[in-house]
Amino acid sequence: MQRFMLKSKIHRATLTGCELNYEGSISLDEDLLRKADMLPGEQVHVLNVNSGARLTTYIITAPAGSGTVMLNGPAARMGVPGDLLIILTYCQVDDKDARQHKPIIVHVDAHNRPVAK
């Protein structure tokens, strides 16, 4: 049996912008991607803490150190700058391995820089 498990989470990132006139996706600071083991093009679930909105999209890389967390295209309608977001990725794991699986959780400050927890 396979189980879908949380692989990575960026917890309570601050939405820095929305760009409606774009193909669609979420742009994330390259430093955050590295820390969370997320890849450009990878599917993510985005949860808006402020509005309760949830969406599925894919990642585009934003410059390292920029703190960028930006919704693009139709996803731009799902938040406003300043909203807090939780960004999730999942993986498929064998049942026996799932019991020892530990997700990567990245906490960030108000400028979307990783902080120790």
N, C-alpha and C. Protein backbone atom coordinates (compact mmCIF):
# COMPACT_ATOMS: atom_id res chain seq x y z
N MET A 1 0.84 -1.18 0.00
CA MET A 1 0.00 0.00 0.00
C MET A 1 0.89 1.24 0.00
N GLN A 2 0.43 2.26 -0.70
CA GLN A 2 1.10 3.55 -0.75
C GLN A 2 0.27 4.58 0.03
N ARG A 3 0.95 5.50 0.66
CA ARG A 3 0.27 6.59 1.36
C ARG A 3 0.81 7.91 0.83
N PHE A 4 -0.08 8.90 0.72
CA PHE A 4 0.33 10.25 0.36
C PHE A 4 0.62 11.00 1.65
N MET A 5 1.85 11.46 1.79
CA MET A 5 2.30 12.09 3.03
C MET A 5 2.79 13.51 2.76
N LEU A 6 2.69 14.36 3.77
CA LEU A 6 3.26 15.69 3.68
C LEU A 6 4.76 15.56 3.49
N LYS A 7 5.30 16.17 2.44
CA LYS A 7 6.74 16.15 2.18
C LYS A 7 7.39 17.40 2.75
N SER A 8 6.82 18.57 2.42
CA SER A 8 7.41 19.85 2.82
C SER A 8 6.32 20.86 3.09
N LYS A 9 6.64 21.80 4.00
CA LYS A 9 5.69 22.87 4.30
C LYS A 9 6.46 24.15 4.56
N ILE A 10 6.04 25.23 3.90
CA ILE A 10 6.50 26.57 4.26
C ILE A 10 5.34 27.16 5.04
N HIS A 11 5.59 27.46 6.31
CA HIS A 11 4.51 27.79 7.25
C HIS A 11 4.39 29.30 7.47
N ARG A 12 3.21 29.83 7.13
CA ARG A 12 2.84 31.22 7.39
C ARG A 12 3.75 32.22 6.67
N ALA A 13 3.97 31.96 5.38
CA ALA A 13 4.70 32.92 4.55
C ALA A 13 3.78 34.10 4.25
N THR A 14 4.36 35.27 4.12
CA THR A 14 3.59 36.47 3.81
C THR A 14 3.53 36.67 2.30
N LEU A 15 2.33 36.78 1.77
CA LEU A 15 2.15 37.03 0.34
C LEU A 15 2.67 38.42 0.02
N THR A 16 3.64 38.48 -0.92
CA THR A 16 4.28 39.75 -1.24
C THR A 16 3.70 40.42 -2.48
N GLY A 17 2.96 39.68 -3.30
CA GLY A 17 2.41 40.29 -4.50
C GLY A 17 1.47 39.35 -5.23
N CYS A 18 0.72 39.94 -6.16
CA CYS A 18 -0.21 39.21 -7.02
C CYS A 18 -0.07 39.78 -8.42
N GLU A 19 0.12 38.93 -9.42
CA GLU A 19 0.27 39.36 -10.80
C GLU A 19 -0.75 38.64 -11.66
N LEU A 20 -1.88 39.29 -11.88
CA LEU A 20 -2.98 38.67 -12.62
C LEU A 20 -2.60 38.36 -14.07
N ASN A 21 -1.87 39.24 -14.73
CA ASN A 21 -1.53 39.08 -16.14
C ASN A 21 -0.30 38.20 -16.32
N TYR A 22 -0.45 36.95 -15.94
CA TYR A 22 0.64 35.99 -16.00
C TYR A 22 0.01 34.63 -16.26
N GLU A 23 0.79 33.67 -16.73
CA GLU A 23 0.26 32.35 -17.07
C GLU A 23 -0.33 31.61 -15.88
N GLY A 24 0.20 31.83 -14.72
CA GLY A 24 -0.30 31.16 -13.53
C GLY A 24 0.78 30.43 -12.78
N SER A 25 0.66 30.35 -11.47
CA SER A 25 1.60 29.65 -10.61
C SER A 25 1.80 30.44 -9.33
N ILE A 26 2.80 30.02 -8.55
CA ILE A 26 3.25 30.78 -7.40
C ILE A 26 4.76 30.93 -7.52
N SER A 27 5.24 32.15 -7.41
CA SER A 27 6.67 32.43 -7.42
C SER A 27 7.17 32.40 -5.98
N LEU A 28 8.23 31.62 -5.74
CA LEU A 28 8.79 31.48 -4.40
C LEU A 28 10.29 31.74 -4.41
N ASP A 29 10.76 32.45 -3.41
CA ASP A 29 12.18 32.72 -3.22
C ASP A 29 12.98 31.42 -3.30
N GLU A 30 14.03 31.43 -4.11
CA GLU A 30 14.86 30.24 -4.31
C GLU A 30 15.44 29.70 -3.00
N ASP A 31 15.76 30.58 -2.06
CA ASP A 31 16.27 30.12 -0.76
C ASP A 31 15.22 29.29 -0.02
N LEU A 32 13.96 29.71 -0.08
CA LEU A 32 12.88 28.95 0.56
C LEU A 32 12.72 27.58 -0.12
N LEU A 33 12.80 27.57 -1.45
CA LEU A 33 12.67 26.30 -2.17
C LEU A 33 13.75 25.32 -1.74
N ARG A 34 14.97 25.80 -1.66
CA ARG A 34 16.08 24.93 -1.25
C ARG A 34 15.86 24.40 0.16
N LYS A 35 15.50 25.28 1.06
CA LYS A 35 15.31 24.90 2.47
C LYS A 35 14.17 23.89 2.62
N ALA A 36 13.11 24.04 1.81
CA ALA A 36 11.92 23.17 1.91
C ALA A 36 12.00 21.95 0.98
N ASP A 37 13.09 21.82 0.24
CA ASP A 37 13.23 20.73 -0.74
C ASP A 37 12.07 20.73 -1.73
N MET A 38 11.78 21.90 -2.26
CA MET A 38 10.76 22.06 -3.30
C MET A 38 11.46 22.43 -4.61
N LEU A 39 10.86 22.05 -5.73
CA LEU A 39 11.47 22.27 -7.04
C LEU A 39 10.59 23.13 -7.94
N PRO A 40 11.21 23.89 -8.85
CA PRO A 40 10.42 24.59 -9.86
C PRO A 40 9.56 23.58 -10.63
N GLY A 41 8.33 23.94 -10.87
CA GLY A 41 7.41 23.05 -11.58
C GLY A 41 6.70 22.06 -10.69
N GLU A 42 7.13 21.92 -9.44
CA GLU A 42 6.49 20.97 -8.53
C GLU A 42 5.10 21.48 -8.13
N GLN A 43 4.17 20.55 -8.03
CA GLN A 43 2.81 20.88 -7.59
C GLN A 43 2.83 21.27 -6.12
N VAL A 44 2.09 22.32 -5.79
CA VAL A 44 1.94 22.74 -4.40
C VAL A 44 0.47 23.02 -4.12
N HIS A 45 0.11 22.84 -2.87
CA HIS A 45 -1.19 23.27 -2.37
C HIS A 45 -0.92 24.53 -1.57
N VAL A 46 -1.69 25.58 -1.84
CA VAL A 46 -1.51 26.86 -1.17
C VAL A 46 -2.76 27.13 -0.35
N LEU A 47 -2.57 27.33 0.94
CA LEU A 47 -3.68 27.59 1.87
C LEU A 47 -3.54 29.02 2.35
N ASN A 48 -4.59 29.81 2.17
CA ASN A 48 -4.58 31.20 2.60
C ASN A 48 -5.19 31.26 4.00
N VAL A 49 -4.35 31.57 4.99
CA VAL A 49 -4.80 31.61 6.38
C VAL A 49 -5.84 32.71 6.58
N ASN A 50 -5.68 33.83 5.89
CA ASN A 50 -6.59 34.97 6.07
C ASN A 50 -7.98 34.72 5.52
N SER A 51 -8.07 34.10 4.34
CA SER A 51 -9.37 33.96 3.68
C SER A 51 -9.94 32.55 3.73
N GLY A 52 -9.09 31.58 4.01
CA GLY A 52 -9.53 30.18 3.98
C GLY A 52 -9.48 29.58 2.59
N ALA A 53 -9.08 30.36 1.58
CA ALA A 53 -8.98 29.85 0.21
C ALA A 53 -7.88 28.81 0.11
N ARG A 54 -8.11 27.82 -0.78
CA ARG A 54 -7.12 26.77 -1.04
C ARG A 54 -7.00 26.63 -2.55
N LEU A 55 -5.78 26.44 -3.03
CA LEU A 55 -5.59 26.23 -4.46
C LEU A 55 -4.42 25.30 -4.70
N THR A 56 -4.43 24.69 -5.88
CA THR A 56 -3.34 23.83 -6.32
C THR A 56 -2.71 24.49 -7.53
N THR A 57 -1.39 24.62 -7.52
CA THR A 57 -0.68 25.23 -8.63
C THR A 57 0.72 24.64 -8.68
N TYR A 58 1.64 25.31 -9.36
CA TYR A 58 3.02 24.83 -9.47
C TYR A 58 3.96 25.99 -9.15
N ILE A 59 5.21 25.63 -8.87
CA ILE A 59 6.20 26.60 -8.41
C ILE A 59 6.99 27.18 -9.58
N ILE A 60 7.24 28.48 -9.48
CA ILE A 60 8.22 29.19 -10.31
C ILE A 60 9.24 29.79 -9.36
N THR A 61 10.49 29.75 -9.73
CA THR A 61 11.55 30.27 -8.87
C THR A 61 11.63 31.79 -8.95
N ALA A 62 11.70 32.43 -7.78
CA ALA A 62 11.97 33.86 -7.67
C ALA A 62 13.41 34.01 -7.16
N PRO A 63 14.03 35.14 -7.37
CA PRO A 63 15.42 35.32 -6.97
C PRO A 63 15.67 35.01 -5.49
N ALA A 64 16.81 34.35 -5.25
CA ALA A 64 17.23 34.02 -3.88
C ALA A 64 17.38 35.29 -3.06
N GLY A 65 16.92 35.25 -1.83
CA GLY A 65 17.03 36.38 -0.93
C GLY A 65 16.01 37.47 -1.14
N SER A 66 15.13 37.31 -2.12
CA SER A 66 14.14 38.34 -2.42
C SER A 66 12.95 38.33 -1.46
N GLY A 67 12.71 37.18 -0.83
CA GLY A 67 11.53 37.05 0.04
C GLY A 67 10.23 36.94 -0.73
N THR A 68 10.33 36.76 -2.05
CA THR A 68 9.14 36.73 -2.89
C THR A 68 8.26 35.52 -2.63
N VAL A 69 6.99 35.79 -2.42
CA VAL A 69 5.91 34.79 -2.38
C VAL A 69 4.77 35.47 -3.13
N MET A 70 4.62 35.15 -4.43
CA MET A 70 3.70 35.88 -5.28
C MET A 70 2.78 34.94 -6.04
N LEU A 71 1.49 35.23 -5.97
CA LEU A 71 0.49 34.48 -6.74
C LEU A 71 0.36 35.09 -8.12
N ASN A 72 0.36 34.24 -9.15
CA ASN A 72 0.33 34.69 -10.54
C ASN A 72 -0.88 34.15 -11.27
N GLY A 73 -1.29 34.85 -12.34
CA GLY A 73 -2.41 34.39 -13.16
C GLY A 73 -3.68 34.33 -12.35
N PRO A 74 -4.57 33.38 -12.66
CA PRO A 74 -5.84 33.28 -11.94
C PRO A 74 -5.66 33.12 -10.42
N ALA A 75 -4.55 32.51 -10.01
CA ALA A 75 -4.28 32.35 -8.57
C ALA A 75 -4.16 33.69 -7.86
N ALA A 76 -3.84 34.74 -8.62
CA ALA A 76 -3.70 36.07 -8.02
C ALA A 76 -5.00 36.56 -7.39
N ARG A 77 -6.12 35.98 -7.80
CA ARG A 77 -7.42 36.34 -7.23
C ARG A 77 -7.65 35.68 -5.86
N MET A 78 -6.72 34.81 -5.45
CA MET A 78 -6.91 34.02 -4.23
C MET A 78 -6.27 34.64 -2.99
N GLY A 79 -5.74 35.86 -3.13
CA GLY A 79 -5.14 36.50 -1.97
C GLY A 79 -4.80 37.94 -2.26
N VAL A 80 -4.42 38.64 -1.20
CA VAL A 80 -3.94 40.02 -1.32
C VAL A 80 -2.62 40.11 -0.57
N PRO A 81 -1.71 40.98 -1.04
CA PRO A 81 -0.44 41.12 -0.33
C PRO A 81 -0.66 41.33 1.16
N GLY A 82 0.14 40.63 1.93
CA GLY A 82 0.02 40.67 3.38
C GLY A 82 -0.66 39.45 3.96
N ASP A 83 -1.42 38.72 3.12
CA ASP A 83 -2.06 37.49 3.59
C ASP A 83 -0.99 36.47 4.01
N LEU A 84 -1.32 35.66 4.98
CA LEU A 84 -0.43 34.57 5.39
C LEU A 84 -0.80 33.30 4.64
N LEU A 85 0.21 32.61 4.11
CA LEU A 85 0.00 31.40 3.33
C LEU A 85 0.74 30.22 3.95
N ILE A 86 0.18 29.05 3.77
CA ILE A 86 0.85 27.80 4.07
C ILE A 86 1.00 27.09 2.73
N ILE A 87 2.22 26.70 2.39
CA ILE A 87 2.51 26.11 1.09
C ILE A 87 2.98 24.68 1.32
N LEU A 88 2.29 23.71 0.71
CA LEU A 88 2.50 22.29 1.00
C LEU A 88 2.87 21.50 -0.25
N THR A 89 3.76 20.52 -0.08
CA THR A 89 4.00 19.50 -1.10
C THR A 89 3.82 18.14 -0.44
N TYR A 90 3.50 17.15 -1.26
CA TYR A 90 3.25 15.80 -0.77
C TYR A 90 4.13 14.81 -1.52
N CYS A 91 4.29 13.63 -0.94
CA CYS A 91 5.02 12.55 -1.61
C CYS A 91 4.27 11.25 -1.38
N GLN A 92 4.55 10.28 -2.22
CA GLN A 92 3.94 8.96 -2.11
C GLN A 92 4.97 8.04 -1.48
N VAL A 93 4.58 7.36 -0.40
CA VAL A 93 5.52 6.57 0.40
C VAL A 93 4.92 5.20 0.67
N ASP A 94 5.75 4.16 0.64
CA ASP A 94 5.30 2.82 1.04
C ASP A 94 4.79 2.87 2.47
N ASP A 95 3.79 2.07 2.77
CA ASP A 95 3.18 2.05 4.09
C ASP A 95 4.23 1.89 5.20
N LYS A 96 5.14 0.97 5.05
CA LYS A 96 6.12 0.74 6.13
C LYS A 96 7.05 1.94 6.31
N ASP A 97 7.39 2.63 5.22
CA ASP A 97 8.24 3.82 5.31
C ASP A 97 7.47 5.03 5.83
N ALA A 98 6.18 5.06 5.56
CA ALA A 98 5.35 6.20 5.98
C ALA A 98 5.36 6.37 7.49
N ARG A 99 5.52 5.29 8.20
CA ARG A 99 5.48 5.36 9.67
C ARG A 99 6.70 6.05 10.26
N GLN A 100 7.79 6.14 9.50
CA GLN A 100 8.99 6.84 9.96
C GLN A 100 9.21 8.16 9.21
N HIS A 101 8.36 8.44 8.24
CA HIS A 101 8.53 9.64 7.42
C HIS A 101 8.42 10.91 8.25
N LYS A 102 9.33 11.84 8.02
CA LYS A 102 9.32 13.13 8.70
C LYS A 102 9.31 14.24 7.65
N PRO A 103 8.29 15.06 7.62
CA PRO A 103 8.25 16.16 6.64
C PRO A 103 9.23 17.27 7.02
N ILE A 104 9.58 18.07 6.04
CA ILE A 104 10.40 19.26 6.25
C ILE A 104 9.43 20.42 6.51
N ILE A 105 9.61 21.09 7.63
CA ILE A 105 8.77 22.23 7.98
C ILE A 105 9.66 23.46 8.04
N VAL A 106 9.36 24.46 7.22
CA VAL A 106 10.14 25.70 7.20
C VAL A 106 9.27 26.82 7.75
N HIS A 107 9.69 27.37 8.87
CA HIS A 107 9.02 28.53 9.46
C HIS A 107 9.74 29.77 8.95
N VAL A 108 8.98 30.83 8.72
CA VAL A 108 9.58 32.05 8.18
C VAL A 108 9.19 33.25 9.04
N ASP A 109 10.00 34.31 8.90
CA ASP A 109 9.68 35.56 9.59
C ASP A 109 8.77 36.41 8.70
N ALA A 110 8.52 37.63 9.08
CA ALA A 110 7.62 38.51 8.34
C ALA A 110 8.16 38.88 6.96
N HIS A 111 9.45 38.64 6.72
CA HIS A 111 10.07 38.94 5.42
C HIS A 111 10.35 37.66 4.62
N ASN A 112 9.73 36.57 5.04
CA ASN A 112 9.85 35.26 4.38
C ASN A 112 11.27 34.70 4.40
N ARG A 113 11.99 35.01 5.46
CA ARG A 113 13.30 34.41 5.67
C ARG A 113 13.14 33.25 6.64
N PRO A 114 13.77 32.11 6.37
CA PRO A 114 13.66 30.97 7.29
C PRO A 114 14.15 31.32 8.69
N VAL A 115 13.43 30.82 9.69
CA VAL A 115 13.82 30.99 11.09
C VAL A 115 13.83 29.63 11.76
N ALA A 116 14.64 29.50 12.78
CA ALA A 116 14.71 28.24 13.54
C ALA A 116 13.49 28.13 14.45
N LYS A 117 13.00 26.92 14.59
CA LYS A 117 11.88 26.66 15.50
C LYS A 117 12.25 25.55 16.44
